[in-house]
Amino acid sequence: MIPRALDRHGLAFVSYSSFCPQYAKRYDGVFSTLTPFSFFMPPSVLAVQAEAFVYGIADARVGLTARAVATARPDIPRGTVVSTTLAPGTVMDEGAPYGLNYRADLDRERITVSIASRPTAPESWGVAVRQRASHTGNAARITAALAPDGCESSARLVEHNAALILWEYHGRRLSQSRRFEEGARDTTRRPSR
C-alpha cells in the first residue's frame, strides 16, 4: 500500500496501526489520554524512509515532541509538530485558524518553536470540528466536509492542515501553501535546542 501510493503520488498517508499494531490496540479510541509515548511514538516508528513529517499532538510541548522525534529518527531532516489550545482544557492535535497555536519546526538539528494567538473560535466552529468517537467517524466527517455542500468550518480545518503537509512535502518551498497555512498570524518565535 505505501510503496504504491509513493510511486503513484509521491506522498502517502499512513495509519500508524499498520506499522505499530500493539500501540494501536492499546491507544485507538483513547483520544483524551496522553502518555510519554504520545510525544514521539507514531512518527518515530514509521516503517518507511521519510524526508519530513507533520505530527499533531494535543499538548503545548511541541518543542519537546519535535526533539523526541528527531532523537528517535535522526534520518528525517525536517518536520513540524502542531497543537492548538481553543480554550482552557480544550486542546486539538491540529493546527487551527483559532485559539493559541503551538508549532515546532525541525530543520536538521535546529528546532524553532512558535506560538501564535488567533481569534477565539465561535462555539459553532468547535461543535462542527469536534473529535468523533472513532477514526471512521472522523474520516467520514472529513469526507463530508470536502463535498461541495460540506461543512465550511471542517473544510477550512482540513485545508489548513493539508497546506502544512504540502509545504513540508515540497521542502518548504511552496510560498502559497505557507501563506495559507500561516494565515495572518502574529507569531513569537524562539529557537530551541
N, C-alpha and C. Protein backbone atom coordinates (compact mmCIF):
# COMPACT_ATOMS: atom_id res chain seq x y z
N MET A 1 0.82 -1.19 0.00
CA MET A 1 0.00 0.00 0.00
C MET A 1 0.87 1.27 0.00
N ILE A 2 1.84 1.34 0.90
CA ILE A 2 2.68 2.53 1.00
C ILE A 2 3.52 2.72 -0.26
N PRO A 3 4.26 1.67 -0.71
CA PRO A 3 5.06 1.85 -1.94
C PRO A 3 4.21 2.25 -3.14
N ARG A 4 3.00 1.69 -3.27
CA ARG A 4 2.14 2.01 -4.39
C ARG A 4 1.73 3.49 -4.34
N ALA A 5 1.36 3.97 -3.16
CA ALA A 5 0.98 5.38 -3.02
C ALA A 5 2.16 6.29 -3.32
N LEU A 6 3.34 5.92 -2.83
CA LEU A 6 4.53 6.73 -3.09
C LEU A 6 4.88 6.75 -4.57
N ASP A 7 4.81 5.59 -5.21
CA ASP A 7 5.10 5.53 -6.65
C ASP A 7 4.11 6.37 -7.45
N ARG A 8 2.85 6.30 -7.09
CA ARG A 8 1.82 6.99 -7.86
C ARG A 8 1.75 8.48 -7.58
N HIS A 9 1.84 8.85 -6.28
CA HIS A 9 1.61 10.25 -5.89
C HIS A 9 2.84 10.94 -5.31
N GLY A 10 3.83 10.17 -4.90
CA GLY A 10 4.99 10.75 -4.23
C GLY A 10 4.70 11.12 -2.79
N LEU A 11 3.54 10.71 -2.29
CA LEU A 11 3.09 11.09 -0.96
C LEU A 11 2.18 9.98 -0.46
N ALA A 12 2.29 9.63 0.83
CA ALA A 12 1.42 8.60 1.39
C ALA A 12 0.89 9.04 2.73
N PHE A 13 -0.37 8.80 2.96
CA PHE A 13 -0.99 8.99 4.27
C PHE A 13 -1.09 7.61 4.89
N VAL A 14 -0.45 7.42 6.05
CA VAL A 14 -0.29 6.10 6.61
C VAL A 14 -0.89 6.05 8.01
N SER A 15 -1.74 5.07 8.26
CA SER A 15 -2.27 4.83 9.59
C SER A 15 -1.17 4.17 10.41
N TYR A 16 -0.89 4.73 11.58
CA TYR A 16 0.18 4.16 12.39
C TYR A 16 -0.13 2.71 12.79
N SER A 17 -1.40 2.32 12.80
CA SER A 17 -1.74 0.95 13.19
C SER A 17 -1.18 -0.08 12.22
N SER A 18 -0.86 0.32 10.99
CA SER A 18 -0.30 -0.63 10.02
C SER A 18 1.15 -0.96 10.33
N PHE A 19 1.87 -0.09 11.02
CA PHE A 19 3.26 -0.40 11.34
C PHE A 19 3.53 -0.47 12.83
N CYS A 20 2.53 -0.21 13.65
CA CYS A 20 2.69 -0.30 15.10
C CYS A 20 1.39 -0.84 15.72
N PRO A 21 1.02 -2.08 15.38
CA PRO A 21 -0.28 -2.60 15.80
C PRO A 21 -0.46 -2.69 17.32
N GLN A 22 0.60 -2.96 18.06
CA GLN A 22 0.45 -3.06 19.52
C GLN A 22 0.07 -1.71 20.13
N TYR A 23 0.69 -0.64 19.63
CA TYR A 23 0.36 0.70 20.10
C TYR A 23 -1.09 1.03 19.75
N ALA A 24 -1.49 0.68 18.54
CA ALA A 24 -2.85 0.96 18.08
C ALA A 24 -3.88 0.21 18.93
N LYS A 25 -3.61 -1.06 19.24
CA LYS A 25 -4.54 -1.83 20.06
C LYS A 25 -4.77 -1.16 21.41
N ARG A 26 -3.71 -0.61 21.96
CA ARG A 26 -3.82 -0.02 23.30
C ARG A 26 -4.43 1.38 23.29
N TYR A 27 -4.11 2.19 22.27
CA TYR A 27 -4.48 3.60 22.31
C TYR A 27 -5.56 4.04 21.34
N ASP A 28 -5.92 3.24 20.37
CA ASP A 28 -7.01 3.64 19.47
C ASP A 28 -8.28 3.90 20.27
N GLY A 29 -8.91 5.01 20.00
CA GLY A 29 -10.14 5.36 20.70
C GLY A 29 -9.92 6.05 22.02
N VAL A 30 -8.66 6.18 22.47
CA VAL A 30 -8.37 6.85 23.74
C VAL A 30 -7.81 8.23 23.40
N PHE A 31 -8.68 9.06 22.83
CA PHE A 31 -8.23 10.35 22.32
C PHE A 31 -7.82 11.33 23.41
N SER A 32 -8.36 11.19 24.60
CA SER A 32 -8.12 12.20 25.63
C SER A 32 -6.95 11.87 26.54
N THR A 33 -6.24 10.76 26.31
CA THR A 33 -5.17 10.35 27.20
C THR A 33 -3.82 10.44 26.49
N LEU A 34 -2.93 11.28 27.03
CA LEU A 34 -1.56 11.34 26.52
C LEU A 34 -0.68 10.50 27.43
N THR A 35 0.29 9.82 26.84
CA THR A 35 1.28 9.07 27.60
C THR A 35 2.65 9.56 27.14
N PRO A 36 3.71 9.16 27.82
CA PRO A 36 5.03 9.54 27.32
C PRO A 36 5.25 9.10 25.87
N PHE A 37 4.66 7.97 25.47
CA PHE A 37 4.79 7.51 24.09
C PHE A 37 4.14 8.46 23.10
N SER A 38 3.13 9.19 23.53
CA SER A 38 2.42 10.10 22.63
C SER A 38 3.34 11.16 22.03
N PHE A 39 4.42 11.49 22.74
CA PHE A 39 5.29 12.57 22.30
C PHE A 39 6.25 12.18 21.18
N PHE A 40 6.36 10.89 20.89
CA PHE A 40 7.29 10.51 19.82
C PHE A 40 6.91 9.25 19.06
N MET A 41 6.06 8.42 19.60
CA MET A 41 5.87 7.08 19.06
C MET A 41 5.40 7.03 17.60
N PRO A 42 4.25 7.56 17.24
CA PRO A 42 3.79 7.36 15.85
C PRO A 42 4.80 7.80 14.78
N PRO A 43 5.32 9.03 14.79
CA PRO A 43 6.25 9.37 13.70
C PRO A 43 7.61 8.68 13.84
N SER A 44 7.96 8.27 15.04
CA SER A 44 9.28 7.67 15.26
C SER A 44 9.38 6.25 14.74
N VAL A 45 8.26 5.55 14.65
CA VAL A 45 8.31 4.16 14.23
C VAL A 45 7.82 3.96 12.80
N LEU A 46 7.82 5.03 12.01
CA LEU A 46 7.44 4.90 10.61
C LEU A 46 8.28 3.81 9.96
N ALA A 47 7.62 2.95 9.26
CA ALA A 47 8.30 1.81 8.63
C ALA A 47 8.81 2.16 7.23
N VAL A 48 8.98 3.45 6.97
CA VAL A 48 9.45 3.91 5.68
C VAL A 48 10.51 4.99 5.88
N GLN A 49 11.32 5.19 4.85
CA GLN A 49 12.21 6.35 4.88
C GLN A 49 11.35 7.57 4.64
N ALA A 50 11.70 8.66 5.28
CA ALA A 50 10.92 9.88 5.12
C ALA A 50 11.85 11.08 5.04
N GLU A 51 11.43 12.07 4.28
CA GLU A 51 12.19 13.31 4.19
C GLU A 51 11.66 14.33 5.17
N ALA A 52 10.40 14.14 5.60
CA ALA A 52 9.78 15.10 6.51
C ALA A 52 8.56 14.45 7.16
N PHE A 53 8.08 15.08 8.21
CA PHE A 53 6.86 14.61 8.87
C PHE A 53 6.06 15.81 9.34
N VAL A 54 4.76 15.59 9.52
CA VAL A 54 3.88 16.54 10.17
C VAL A 54 3.17 15.73 11.25
N TYR A 55 3.22 16.21 12.48
CA TYR A 55 2.65 15.47 13.60
C TYR A 55 1.85 16.42 14.48
N GLY A 56 0.64 16.04 14.79
CA GLY A 56 -0.19 16.82 15.70
C GLY A 56 -0.28 16.12 17.03
N ILE A 57 -0.15 16.89 18.10
CA ILE A 57 -0.27 16.35 19.45
C ILE A 57 -1.13 17.30 20.28
N ALA A 58 -1.97 16.76 21.10
CA ALA A 58 -2.86 17.58 21.93
C ALA A 58 -2.14 18.01 23.21
N ASP A 59 -1.06 18.74 23.02
CA ASP A 59 -0.24 19.22 24.13
C ASP A 59 0.60 20.38 23.62
N ALA A 60 0.80 21.38 24.46
CA ALA A 60 1.55 22.57 24.05
C ALA A 60 3.05 22.33 23.93
N ARG A 61 3.55 21.22 24.41
CA ARG A 61 5.00 20.96 24.41
C ARG A 61 5.47 20.42 23.06
N VAL A 62 5.25 21.22 22.03
CA VAL A 62 5.60 20.80 20.66
C VAL A 62 7.11 20.72 20.46
N GLY A 63 7.87 21.57 21.13
CA GLY A 63 9.33 21.52 21.02
C GLY A 63 9.88 20.22 21.57
N LEU A 64 9.35 19.79 22.70
CA LEU A 64 9.74 18.51 23.30
C LEU A 64 9.42 17.36 22.33
N THR A 65 8.25 17.42 21.73
CA THR A 65 7.84 16.38 20.79
C THR A 65 8.77 16.36 19.58
N ALA A 66 9.07 17.53 19.01
CA ALA A 66 9.98 17.60 17.85
C ALA A 66 11.36 17.04 18.22
N ARG A 67 11.85 17.38 19.40
CA ARG A 67 13.17 16.87 19.84
C ARG A 67 13.13 15.36 20.01
N ALA A 68 12.04 14.83 20.57
CA ALA A 68 11.93 13.37 20.77
C ALA A 68 11.91 12.64 19.43
N VAL A 69 11.17 13.17 18.47
CA VAL A 69 11.12 12.54 17.15
C VAL A 69 12.50 12.64 16.48
N ALA A 70 13.13 13.81 16.57
CA ALA A 70 14.46 13.99 15.96
C ALA A 70 15.48 13.04 16.57
N THR A 71 15.38 12.79 17.86
CA THR A 71 16.30 11.88 18.53
C THR A 71 16.05 10.43 18.11
N ALA A 72 14.77 10.07 18.01
CA ALA A 72 14.41 8.70 17.62
C ALA A 72 14.64 8.45 16.13
N ARG A 73 14.48 9.48 15.30
CA ARG A 73 14.61 9.33 13.85
C ARG A 73 15.54 10.41 13.29
N PRO A 74 16.84 10.33 13.58
CA PRO A 74 17.75 11.36 13.07
C PRO A 74 17.87 11.37 11.54
N ASP A 75 17.35 10.33 10.88
CA ASP A 75 17.38 10.26 9.42
C ASP A 75 16.30 11.12 8.77
N ILE A 76 15.37 11.65 9.54
CA ILE A 76 14.33 12.53 8.98
C ILE A 76 14.76 13.97 9.25
N PRO A 77 15.18 14.70 8.22
CA PRO A 77 15.78 16.02 8.44
C PRO A 77 14.81 17.15 8.76
N ARG A 78 13.54 17.01 8.36
CA ARG A 78 12.58 18.11 8.54
C ARG A 78 11.29 17.58 9.16
N GLY A 79 10.63 18.48 9.85
CA GLY A 79 9.32 18.10 10.36
C GLY A 79 8.67 19.25 11.09
N THR A 80 7.38 19.12 11.30
CA THR A 80 6.62 20.13 12.02
C THR A 80 5.68 19.42 12.98
N VAL A 81 5.62 19.94 14.20
CA VAL A 81 4.69 19.44 15.23
C VAL A 81 3.75 20.59 15.54
N VAL A 82 2.44 20.30 15.58
CA VAL A 82 1.44 21.34 15.83
C VAL A 82 0.49 20.94 16.96
N SER A 83 -0.06 21.96 17.60
CA SER A 83 -1.08 21.79 18.62
C SER A 83 -1.84 23.11 18.74
N THR A 84 -3.10 23.04 19.10
CA THR A 84 -3.89 24.25 19.29
C THR A 84 -4.72 24.15 20.56
N THR A 85 -4.64 25.17 21.40
CA THR A 85 -5.49 25.27 22.57
C THR A 85 -6.62 26.22 22.21
N LEU A 86 -7.84 25.68 22.17
CA LEU A 86 -9.00 26.51 21.81
C LEU A 86 -9.56 27.25 23.02
N ALA A 87 -9.49 26.62 24.18
CA ALA A 87 -9.96 27.20 25.44
C ALA A 87 -9.29 26.38 26.54
N PRO A 88 -9.27 26.87 27.77
CA PRO A 88 -8.67 26.07 28.84
C PRO A 88 -9.30 24.66 28.87
N GLY A 89 -8.44 23.66 28.77
CA GLY A 89 -8.91 22.28 28.79
C GLY A 89 -9.37 21.73 27.46
N THR A 90 -9.34 22.54 26.40
CA THR A 90 -9.75 22.09 25.07
C THR A 90 -8.56 22.26 24.12
N VAL A 91 -7.91 21.13 23.84
CA VAL A 91 -6.69 21.14 23.03
C VAL A 91 -6.88 20.21 21.84
N MET A 92 -6.44 20.67 20.66
CA MET A 92 -6.53 19.88 19.43
C MET A 92 -5.14 19.44 18.98
N ASP A 93 -5.07 18.27 18.36
CA ASP A 93 -3.81 17.81 17.78
C ASP A 93 -3.76 18.21 16.31
N GLU A 94 -4.11 19.44 16.04
CA GLU A 94 -4.17 20.01 14.68
C GLU A 94 -3.71 21.46 14.76
N GLY A 95 -3.29 22.00 13.62
CA GLY A 95 -3.14 23.44 13.51
C GLY A 95 -4.54 23.98 13.23
N ALA A 96 -4.88 25.13 13.75
CA ALA A 96 -6.24 25.66 13.56
C ALA A 96 -6.20 27.17 13.33
N PRO A 97 -7.22 27.69 12.67
CA PRO A 97 -7.28 29.13 12.42
C PRO A 97 -7.76 29.92 13.65
N TYR A 98 -7.97 29.24 14.77
CA TYR A 98 -8.44 29.88 16.00
C TYR A 98 -7.57 29.44 17.17
N GLY A 99 -7.68 30.17 18.27
CA GLY A 99 -7.04 29.77 19.52
C GLY A 99 -5.56 30.07 19.58
N LEU A 100 -4.92 29.42 20.53
CA LEU A 100 -3.49 29.58 20.74
C LEU A 100 -2.80 28.41 20.03
N ASN A 101 -2.04 28.74 18.99
CA ASN A 101 -1.39 27.73 18.15
C ASN A 101 0.06 27.56 18.57
N TYR A 102 0.44 26.32 18.79
CA TYR A 102 1.82 25.97 19.13
C TYR A 102 2.38 25.20 17.95
N ARG A 103 3.63 25.51 17.61
CA ARG A 103 4.23 24.86 16.46
C ARG A 103 5.74 24.77 16.66
N ALA A 104 6.29 23.62 16.31
CA ALA A 104 7.75 23.43 16.34
C ALA A 104 8.17 22.97 14.96
N ASP A 105 9.10 23.69 14.35
CA ASP A 105 9.65 23.32 13.05
C ASP A 105 11.05 22.78 13.25
N LEU A 106 11.28 21.56 12.78
CA LEU A 106 12.58 20.91 12.85
C LEU A 106 13.27 21.07 11.51
N ASP A 107 14.50 21.55 11.53
CA ASP A 107 15.32 21.64 10.33
C ASP A 107 16.71 21.15 10.72
N ARG A 108 16.97 19.89 10.39
CA ARG A 108 18.17 19.18 10.82
C ARG A 108 18.18 19.17 12.35
N GLU A 109 19.14 19.77 12.99
CA GLU A 109 19.20 19.77 14.46
C GLU A 109 18.49 20.96 15.09
N ARG A 110 18.14 21.95 14.30
CA ARG A 110 17.56 23.18 14.84
C ARG A 110 16.03 23.05 14.95
N ILE A 111 15.51 23.42 16.09
CA ILE A 111 14.07 23.42 16.31
C ILE A 111 13.65 24.84 16.66
N THR A 112 12.69 25.36 15.91
CA THR A 112 12.16 26.68 16.18
C THR A 112 10.72 26.52 16.64
N VAL A 113 10.44 27.02 17.83
CA VAL A 113 9.10 26.94 18.39
C VAL A 113 8.41 28.29 18.21
N SER A 114 7.19 28.25 17.74
CA SER A 114 6.42 29.49 17.60
C SER A 114 5.07 29.32 18.28
N ILE A 115 4.59 30.43 18.81
CA ILE A 115 3.27 30.47 19.45
C ILE A 115 2.51 31.61 18.80
N ALA A 116 1.33 31.31 18.32
CA ALA A 116 0.52 32.33 17.64
C ALA A 116 -0.83 32.43 18.33
N SER A 117 -1.22 33.63 18.61
CA SER A 117 -2.54 33.86 19.20
C SER A 117 -3.49 34.29 18.08
N ARG A 118 -4.51 33.50 17.88
CA ARG A 118 -5.50 33.78 16.85
C ARG A 118 -6.84 34.07 17.51
N PRO A 119 -7.83 34.49 16.74
CA PRO A 119 -9.13 34.82 17.35
C PRO A 119 -9.75 33.61 18.08
N THR A 120 -10.63 33.91 19.00
CA THR A 120 -11.37 32.86 19.71
C THR A 120 -12.32 32.18 18.74
N ALA A 121 -12.38 30.86 18.82
CA ALA A 121 -13.25 30.09 17.93
C ALA A 121 -14.71 30.30 18.30
N PRO A 122 -15.57 30.55 17.31
CA PRO A 122 -17.01 30.59 17.61
C PRO A 122 -17.46 29.22 18.12
N GLU A 123 -18.42 29.18 18.98
CA GLU A 123 -18.90 27.92 19.54
C GLU A 123 -19.35 26.96 18.44
N SER A 124 -19.99 27.49 17.41
CA SER A 124 -20.46 26.63 16.32
C SER A 124 -19.30 25.96 15.60
N TRP A 125 -18.16 26.64 15.50
CA TRP A 125 -16.98 26.05 14.86
C TRP A 125 -16.48 24.87 15.70
N GLY A 126 -16.39 25.05 16.99
CA GLY A 126 -15.94 23.99 17.87
C GLY A 126 -16.82 22.76 17.79
N VAL A 127 -18.12 22.97 17.71
CA VAL A 127 -19.05 21.84 17.59
C VAL A 127 -18.85 21.14 16.25
N ALA A 128 -18.65 21.91 15.19
CA ALA A 128 -18.51 21.34 13.84
C ALA A 128 -17.26 20.49 13.71
N VAL A 129 -16.17 20.86 14.36
CA VAL A 129 -14.90 20.16 14.15
C VAL A 129 -14.53 19.22 15.29
N ARG A 130 -15.39 19.08 16.27
CA ARG A 130 -15.03 18.25 17.43
C ARG A 130 -14.70 16.81 17.01
N GLN A 131 -13.89 16.18 17.83
CA GLN A 131 -13.48 14.80 17.62
C GLN A 131 -14.69 13.88 17.61
N ARG A 132 -14.73 12.97 16.68
CA ARG A 132 -15.79 11.97 16.64
C ARG A 132 -15.34 10.77 17.49
N ALA A 133 -16.22 9.83 17.71
CA ALA A 133 -15.95 8.71 18.60
C ALA A 133 -15.00 7.66 18.02
N SER A 134 -14.73 7.73 16.73
CA SER A 134 -13.86 6.72 16.11
C SER A 134 -13.11 7.33 14.94
N HIS A 135 -12.07 6.62 14.50
CA HIS A 135 -11.34 7.06 13.31
C HIS A 135 -12.26 7.06 12.09
N THR A 136 -13.13 6.08 12.02
CA THR A 136 -14.08 6.00 10.91
C THR A 136 -15.00 7.22 10.91
N GLY A 137 -15.47 7.60 12.09
CA GLY A 137 -16.32 8.79 12.20
C GLY A 137 -15.59 10.06 11.81
N ASN A 138 -14.31 10.16 12.21
CA ASN A 138 -13.51 11.32 11.83
C ASN A 138 -13.30 11.37 10.33
N ALA A 139 -12.98 10.23 9.73
CA ALA A 139 -12.76 10.17 8.28
C ALA A 139 -14.04 10.52 7.52
N ALA A 140 -15.18 10.03 7.99
CA ALA A 140 -16.46 10.35 7.34
C ALA A 140 -16.75 11.84 7.43
N ARG A 141 -16.43 12.45 8.56
CA ARG A 141 -16.65 13.89 8.74
C ARG A 141 -15.78 14.70 7.78
N ILE A 142 -14.53 14.29 7.62
CA ILE A 142 -13.62 14.99 6.71
C ILE A 142 -14.12 14.85 5.27
N THR A 143 -14.50 13.65 4.89
CA THR A 143 -15.00 13.41 3.54
C THR A 143 -16.23 14.27 3.27
N ALA A 144 -17.15 14.30 4.23
CA ALA A 144 -18.37 15.10 4.07
C ALA A 144 -18.03 16.59 4.00
N ALA A 145 -17.05 17.02 4.78
CA ALA A 145 -16.68 18.44 4.80
C ALA A 145 -16.14 18.90 3.45
N LEU A 146 -15.48 18.00 2.74
CA LEU A 146 -14.87 18.38 1.47
C LEU A 146 -15.82 18.29 0.28
N ALA A 147 -17.04 17.83 0.52
CA ALA A 147 -18.05 17.81 -0.54
C ALA A 147 -18.45 19.25 -0.86
N PRO A 148 -18.95 19.52 -2.07
CA PRO A 148 -19.30 20.90 -2.44
C PRO A 148 -20.25 21.58 -1.46
N ASP A 149 -21.13 20.83 -0.84
CA ASP A 149 -22.05 21.43 0.12
C ASP A 149 -21.68 21.08 1.56
N GLY A 150 -20.39 20.76 1.79
CA GLY A 150 -19.93 20.31 3.11
C GLY A 150 -19.81 21.45 4.12
N CYS A 151 -19.48 21.06 5.32
CA CYS A 151 -19.33 22.00 6.44
C CYS A 151 -18.10 22.88 6.22
N GLU A 152 -18.31 24.17 6.11
CA GLU A 152 -17.20 25.09 5.83
C GLU A 152 -16.17 25.10 6.96
N SER A 153 -16.61 25.01 8.21
CA SER A 153 -15.67 25.01 9.33
C SER A 153 -14.73 23.82 9.27
N SER A 154 -15.27 22.64 9.03
CA SER A 154 -14.44 21.44 8.94
C SER A 154 -13.55 21.49 7.71
N ALA A 155 -14.07 21.97 6.59
CA ALA A 155 -13.28 22.07 5.36
C ALA A 155 -12.08 23.00 5.58
N ARG A 156 -12.28 24.12 6.24
CA ARG A 156 -11.18 25.06 6.49
C ARG A 156 -10.11 24.42 7.36
N LEU A 157 -10.52 23.65 8.36
CA LEU A 157 -9.54 22.97 9.21
C LEU A 157 -8.75 21.94 8.41
N VAL A 158 -9.42 21.18 7.58
CA VAL A 158 -8.74 20.19 6.73
C VAL A 158 -7.79 20.89 5.77
N GLU A 159 -8.25 21.95 5.13
CA GLU A 159 -7.41 22.70 4.18
C GLU A 159 -6.19 23.30 4.86
N HIS A 160 -6.39 23.82 6.05
CA HIS A 160 -5.31 24.44 6.83
C HIS A 160 -4.19 23.42 7.07
N ASN A 161 -4.55 22.22 7.48
CA ASN A 161 -3.55 21.20 7.77
C ASN A 161 -3.00 20.56 6.50
N ALA A 162 -3.82 20.44 5.46
CA ALA A 162 -3.33 19.93 4.18
C ALA A 162 -2.27 20.86 3.60
N ALA A 163 -2.47 22.16 3.75
CA ALA A 163 -1.47 23.13 3.26
C ALA A 163 -0.14 22.92 3.99
N LEU A 164 -0.19 22.66 5.28
CA LEU A 164 1.03 22.40 6.03
C LEU A 164 1.73 21.14 5.53
N ILE A 165 0.96 20.08 5.28
CA ILE A 165 1.53 18.83 4.76
C ILE A 165 2.19 19.08 3.40
N LEU A 166 1.53 19.81 2.51
CA LEU A 166 2.11 20.10 1.19
C LEU A 166 3.36 20.96 1.31
N TRP A 167 3.35 21.89 2.23
CA TRP A 167 4.51 22.76 2.44
C TRP A 167 5.71 21.91 2.87
N GLU A 168 5.51 20.98 3.80
CA GLU A 168 6.59 20.09 4.23
C GLU A 168 7.01 19.18 3.08
N TYR A 169 6.03 18.60 2.40
CA TYR A 169 6.30 17.66 1.31
C TYR A 169 7.16 18.30 0.22
N HIS A 170 6.93 19.54 -0.09
CA HIS A 170 7.67 20.23 -1.14
C HIS A 170 8.92 20.94 -0.61
N GLY A 171 9.41 20.48 0.52
CA GLY A 171 10.65 21.03 1.05
C GLY A 171 10.54 22.46 1.51
N ARG A 172 9.37 22.84 1.96
CA ARG A 172 9.11 24.19 2.47
C ARG A 172 9.35 25.25 1.41
N ARG A 173 9.04 24.91 0.16
CA ARG A 173 9.25 25.83 -0.95
C ARG A 173 7.97 26.39 -1.53
N LEU A 174 6.83 25.93 -1.11
CA LEU A 174 5.57 26.42 -1.68
C LEU A 174 5.09 27.64 -0.90
N SER A 175 5.43 28.80 -1.35
CA SER A 175 5.08 30.01 -0.60
C SER A 175 3.56 30.18 -0.48
N GLN A 176 2.82 29.78 -1.50
CA GLN A 176 1.37 29.92 -1.44
C GLN A 176 0.78 29.02 -0.35
N SER A 177 1.24 27.78 -0.24
CA SER A 177 0.78 26.89 0.83
C SER A 177 1.15 27.45 2.18
N ARG A 178 2.35 27.96 2.29
CA ARG A 178 2.82 28.51 3.56
C ARG A 178 1.96 29.70 3.98
N ARG A 179 1.67 30.60 3.05
CA ARG A 179 0.84 31.76 3.40
C ARG A 179 -0.56 31.33 3.84
N PHE A 180 -1.13 30.36 3.13
CA PHE A 180 -2.47 29.89 3.51
C PHE A 180 -2.43 29.23 4.88
N GLU A 181 -1.42 28.40 5.10
CA GLU A 181 -1.31 27.67 6.36
C GLU A 181 -1.10 28.63 7.52
N GLU A 182 -0.26 29.63 7.34
CA GLU A 182 0.01 30.56 8.43
C GLU A 182 -1.12 31.54 8.66
N GLY A 183 -1.81 31.91 7.59
CA GLY A 183 -2.84 32.92 7.73
C GLY A 183 -2.20 34.24 8.12
N ALA A 184 -2.93 35.07 8.75
CA ALA A 184 -2.41 36.37 9.19
C ALA A 184 -2.11 36.29 10.68
N ARG A 185 -1.13 35.46 11.03
CA ARG A 185 -0.88 35.26 12.45
C ARG A 185 0.20 36.19 12.97
N ASP A 186 0.08 36.50 14.23
CA ASP A 186 1.07 37.30 14.93
C ASP A 186 1.89 36.29 15.73
N THR A 187 3.13 36.06 15.34
CA THR A 187 3.90 34.96 15.88
C THR A 187 5.09 35.43 16.67
N THR A 188 5.35 34.77 17.79
CA THR A 188 6.55 34.94 18.56
C THR A 188 7.39 33.71 18.32
N ARG A 189 8.62 33.88 17.81
CA ARG A 189 9.49 32.75 17.54
C ARG A 189 10.68 32.73 18.50
N ARG A 190 11.03 31.54 18.94
CA ARG A 190 12.23 31.39 19.74
C ARG A 190 12.91 30.07 19.41
N PRO A 191 14.20 30.11 19.03
CA PRO A 191 14.91 28.86 18.75
C PRO A 191 15.03 28.03 20.02
N SER A 192 15.08 26.73 19.85
CA SER A 192 15.18 25.80 20.96
C SER A 192 16.27 24.79 20.64
N ARG A 193 16.95 24.28 21.65
CA ARG A 193 17.98 23.24 21.44
C ARG A 193 17.64 21.99 22.15
